[in-house]
Amino acid sequence: VQVVESGGDLVLAGGSLRLSCAASGLTFATFSEYAIGWFRQAPGKEREAVSGISNSDGSTYYADSVKGRFTISSDNAKNTVYLQMNSLKPEDTAVYYCAADRVPITMATMRRQGIWGSWGQGTQVTVSS
């Protein structure tokens, strides 16, 4: 499976963006078996988990820093997962990556980035104050 992110942009604080993670190399039935995770890496910082969704059971994960502001959703017919980001803050500035694998969505799997097999190239989100 391959994943490609899109939707990053420069936005003012308080604004919104929607990121997309499109998967390819899958059949409809196979995409429903995968989980998609969103991760981000700010300059000088380690990459961190942001959100994740299981296409098999619908479970989701959100980092505390984005709860109530970000919403993850999946469109199985389009093999695409979206990350709606509202009330953006300058500290949300980072390169956002999506990853895919057949893993459950739990705090543990979101923290163990090495278990995610397929990664995109990232999309830049810049929030100016």
C-alpha atoms as a PDB file:
ATOM      1  CA  VAL A   1       0.000   0.000   0.000  1.00  0.00           C
ATOM      2  CA  GLN A   2       1.135   3.544  -0.767  1.00  0.00           C
ATOM      3  CA  VAL A   3      -0.162   6.684   0.910  1.00  0.00           C
ATOM      4  CA  VAL A   4       0.030  10.295  -0.248  1.00  0.00           C
ATOM      5  CA  GLU A   5      -0.781  13.340   1.864  1.00  0.00           C
ATOM      6  CA  SER A   6      -2.193  16.596   0.578  1.00  0.00           C
ATOM      7  CA  GLY A   7      -3.855  19.731   1.864  1.00  0.00           C
ATOM      8  CA  GLY A   8      -1.062  21.416   3.751  1.00  0.00           C
ATOM      9  CA  ASP A   9      -0.884  25.177   3.509  1.00  0.00           C
ATOM     10  CA  LEU A  10      -0.085  28.454   5.255  1.00  0.00           C
ATOM     11  CA  VAL A  11      -2.966  29.585   7.445  1.00  0.00           C
ATOM     12  CA  LEU A  12      -3.572  32.213  10.106  1.00  0.00           C
ATOM     13  CA  ALA A  13      -4.026  31.201  13.719  1.00  0.00           C
ATOM     14  CA  GLY A  14      -7.642  30.296  14.350  1.00  0.00           C
ATOM     15  CA  GLY A  15      -8.082  29.069  10.811  1.00  0.00           C
ATOM     16  CA  SER A  16      -8.854  25.615   9.439  1.00  0.00           C
ATOM     17  CA  LEU A  17      -7.336  23.113   7.070  1.00  0.00           C
ATOM     18  CA  ARG A  18      -8.324  19.661   5.873  1.00  0.00           C
ATOM     19  CA  LEU A  19      -5.568  17.192   5.175  1.00  0.00           C
ATOM     20  CA  SER A  20      -6.120  14.140   3.002  1.00  0.00           C
ATOM     21  CA  CYS A  21      -4.346  10.806   3.020  1.00  0.00           C
ATOM     22  CA  ALA A  22      -5.053   8.813  -0.134  1.00  0.00           C
ATOM     23  CA  ALA A  23      -4.139   5.146  -0.245  1.00  0.00           C
ATOM     24  CA  SER A  24      -3.407   3.215  -3.403  1.00  0.00           C
ATOM     25  CA  GLY A  25      -2.466  -0.305  -4.261  1.00  0.00           C
ATOM     26  CA  LEU A  26      -5.526  -1.585  -2.406  1.00  0.00           C
ATOM     27  CA  THR A  27      -8.886  -3.083  -3.182  1.00  0.00           C
ATOM     28  CA  PHE A  28     -11.952  -1.730  -1.423  1.00  0.00           C
ATOM     29  CA  ALA A  29     -12.067  -4.731   0.874  1.00  0.00           C
ATOM     30  CA  THR A  30      -8.382  -4.393   1.772  1.00  0.00           C
ATOM     31  CA  PHE A  31      -8.590  -0.675   2.687  1.00  0.00           C
ATOM     32  CA  SER A  32     -11.246  -1.506   5.220  1.00  0.00           C
ATOM     33  CA  GLU A  33      -8.709  -3.703   7.012  1.00  0.00           C
ATOM     34  CA  TYR A  34      -6.192  -0.895   7.422  1.00  0.00           C
ATOM     35  CA  ALA A  35      -5.682   1.764  10.015  1.00  0.00           C
ATOM     36  CA  ILE A  36      -4.435   5.213   9.077  1.00  0.00           C
ATOM     37  CA  GLY A  37      -2.402   7.313  11.443  1.00  0.00           C
ATOM     38  CA  TRP A  38      -1.495  10.975  11.278  1.00  0.00           C
ATOM     39  CA  PHE A  39       1.817  12.089  12.729  1.00  0.00           C
ATOM     40  CA  ARG A  40       3.626  15.413  12.700  1.00  0.00           C
ATOM     41  CA  GLN A  41       7.135  16.688  13.101  1.00  0.00           C
ATOM     42  CA  ALA A  42       7.906  20.268  14.004  1.00  0.00           C
ATOM     43  CA  PRO A  43      11.362  21.762  13.402  1.00  0.00           C
ATOM     44  CA  GLY A  44      13.812  20.549  16.016  1.00  0.00           C
ATOM     45  CA  LYS A  45      11.314  18.152  17.566  1.00  0.00           C
ATOM     46  CA  GLU A  46      10.634  14.443  17.357  1.00  0.00           C
ATOM     47  CA  ARG A  47       7.771  13.169  15.256  1.00  0.00           C
ATOM     48  CA  GLU A  48       4.648  12.714  17.336  1.00  0.00           C
ATOM     49  CA  ALA A  49       1.301  11.003  16.940  1.00  0.00           C
ATOM     50  CA  VAL A  50      -1.654  13.263  16.191  1.00  0.00           C
ATOM     51  CA  SER A  51      -4.633  11.092  15.325  1.00  0.00           C
ATOM     52  CA  GLY A  52      -5.568   7.700  13.978  1.00  0.00           C
ATOM     53  CA  ILE A  53      -8.554   5.764  12.716  1.00  0.00           C
ATOM     54  CA  SER A  54      -9.249   2.097  12.221  1.00  0.00           C
ATOM     55  CA  ASN A  55     -11.173   1.378   9.035  1.00  0.00           C
ATOM     56  CA  SER A  56     -12.172  -2.025  10.408  1.00  0.00           C
ATOM     57  CA  ASP A  57     -13.887  -0.986  13.625  1.00  0.00           C
ATOM     58  CA  GLY A  58     -14.004   2.808  13.451  1.00  0.00           C
ATOM     59  CA  SER A  59     -11.970   3.372  16.594  1.00  0.00           C
ATOM     60  CA  THR A  60     -10.110   6.646  16.764  1.00  0.00           C
ATOM     61  CA  TYR A  61      -7.250   8.246  18.640  1.00  0.00           C
ATOM     62  CA  TYR A  62      -6.441  11.879  19.288  1.00  0.00           C
ATOM     63  CA  ALA A  63      -3.455  13.384  21.009  1.00  0.00           C
ATOM     64  CA  ASP A  64      -4.430  15.542  23.977  1.00  0.00           C
ATOM     65  CA  SER A  65      -3.045  18.597  22.209  1.00  0.00           C
ATOM     66  CA  VAL A  66      -5.577  18.311  19.366  1.00  0.00           C
ATOM     67  CA  LYS A  67      -8.669  16.913  21.098  1.00  0.00           C
ATOM     68  CA  GLY A  68     -11.702  19.048  20.391  1.00  0.00           C
ATOM     69  CA  ARG A  69      -9.995  20.804  17.463  1.00  0.00           C
ATOM     70  CA  PHE A  70      -9.102  18.014  15.026  1.00  0.00           C
ATOM     71  CA  THR A  71     -11.458  15.406  13.578  1.00  0.00           C
ATOM     72  CA  ILE A  72     -10.416  12.311  11.666  1.00  0.00           C
ATOM     73  CA  SER A  73     -12.730  10.574   9.217  1.00  0.00           C
ATOM     74  CA  SER A  74     -12.526   7.936   6.534  1.00  0.00           C
ATOM     75  CA  ASP A  75     -14.140   7.477   3.141  1.00  0.00           C
ATOM     76  CA  ASN A  76     -13.664   3.818   2.286  1.00  0.00           C
ATOM     77  CA  ALA A  77     -15.115   4.275  -1.190  1.00  0.00           C
ATOM     78  CA  LYS A  78     -12.313   6.745  -1.987  1.00  0.00           C
ATOM     79  CA  ASN A  79      -9.587   4.962   0.007  1.00  0.00           C
ATOM     80  CA  THR A  80      -8.997   8.292   1.710  1.00  0.00           C
ATOM     81  CA  VAL A  81      -8.742   9.478   5.292  1.00  0.00           C
ATOM     82  CA  TYR A  82      -9.228  13.119   6.202  1.00  0.00           C
ATOM     83  CA  LEU A  83      -7.938  15.172   9.090  1.00  0.00           C
ATOM     84  CA  GLN A  84     -10.065  18.256   9.661  1.00  0.00           C
ATOM     85  CA  MET A  85      -8.067  20.766  11.674  1.00  0.00           C
ATOM     86  CA  ASN A  86      -9.895  23.687  13.241  1.00  0.00           C
ATOM     87  CA  SER A  87      -8.805  26.457  15.593  1.00  0.00           C
ATOM     88  CA  LEU A  88      -5.245  26.046  14.416  1.00  0.00           C
ATOM     89  CA  LYS A  89      -2.444  27.344  16.602  1.00  0.00           C
ATOM     90  CA  PRO A  90       1.136  28.304  15.747  1.00  0.00           C
ATOM     91  CA  GLU A  91       2.281  25.239  17.678  1.00  0.00           C
ATOM     92  CA  ASP A  92       0.454  23.063  15.135  1.00  0.00           C
ATOM     93  CA  THR A  93       3.073  24.092  12.584  1.00  0.00           C
ATOM     94  CA  ALA A  94       4.779  20.930  11.362  1.00  0.00           C
ATOM     95  CA  VAL A  95       5.171  18.492   8.525  1.00  0.00           C
ATOM     96  CA  TYR A  96       2.217  16.141   8.734  1.00  0.00           C
ATOM     97  CA  TYR A  97       2.649  12.527   7.697  1.00  0.00           C
ATOM     98  CA  CYS A  98       0.131   9.761   7.286  1.00  0.00           C
ATOM     99  CA  ALA A  99       0.919   6.105   7.713  1.00  0.00           C
ATOM    100  CA  ALA A 100      -0.981   2.903   7.014  1.00  0.00           C
ATOM    101  CA  ASP A 101      -0.889  -0.613   8.358  1.00  0.00           C
ATOM    102  CA  ARG A 102      -3.041  -3.429   9.650  1.00  0.00           C
ATOM    103  CA  VAL A 103      -2.837  -2.453  13.299  1.00  0.00           C
ATOM    104  CA  PRO A 104      -5.412  -1.647  15.955  1.00  0.00           C
ATOM    105  CA  ILE A 105      -5.779   1.964  16.950  1.00  0.00           C
ATOM    106  CA  THR A 106      -4.619   2.268  20.535  1.00  0.00           C
ATOM    107  CA  MET A 107      -2.391   4.666  22.418  1.00  0.00           C
ATOM    108  CA  ALA A 108       0.337   2.037  22.242  1.00  0.00           C
ATOM    109  CA  THR A 109       0.195   1.586  18.471  1.00  0.00           C
ATOM    110  CA  MET A 110       0.100   5.319  17.918  1.00  0.00           C
ATOM    111  CA  ARG A 111       3.221   5.754  20.034  1.00  0.00           C
ATOM    112  CA  ARG A 112       5.132   2.918  18.343  1.00  0.00           C
ATOM    113  CA  GLN A 113       5.786   4.547  14.993  1.00  0.00           C
ATOM    114  CA  GLY A 114       8.089   1.735  13.904  1.00  0.00           C
ATOM    115  CA  ILE A 115       5.186  -0.679  13.497  1.00  0.00           C
ATOM    116  CA  TRP A 116       3.596   1.411  10.753  1.00  0.00           C
ATOM    117  CA  GLY A 117       4.747  -0.016   7.442  1.00  0.00           C
ATOM    118  CA  SER A 118       3.729   2.555   4.846  1.00  0.00           C
ATOM    119  CA  TRP A 119       4.479   6.259   5.132  1.00  0.00           C
ATOM    120  CA  GLY A 120       3.825   9.231   2.917  1.00  0.00           C
ATOM    121  CA  GLN A 121       6.237  12.039   2.114  1.00  0.00           C
ATOM    122  CA  GLY A 122       4.471  14.578   4.287  1.00  0.00           C
ATOM    123  CA  THR A 123       2.641  17.844   3.772  1.00  0.00           C
ATOM    124  CA  GLN A 124       3.657  21.151   5.358  1.00  0.00           C
ATOM    125  CA  VAL A 125       1.242  22.964   7.644  1.00  0.00           C
ATOM    126  CA  THR A 126       2.292  26.441   8.738  1.00  0.00           C
ATOM    127  CA  VAL A 127       0.181  28.439  11.173  1.00  0.00           C
ATOM    128  CA  SER A 128       1.137  32.074  11.530  1.00  0.00           C
ATOM    129  CA  SER A 129       0.190  34.216  14.500  1.00  0.00           C
END
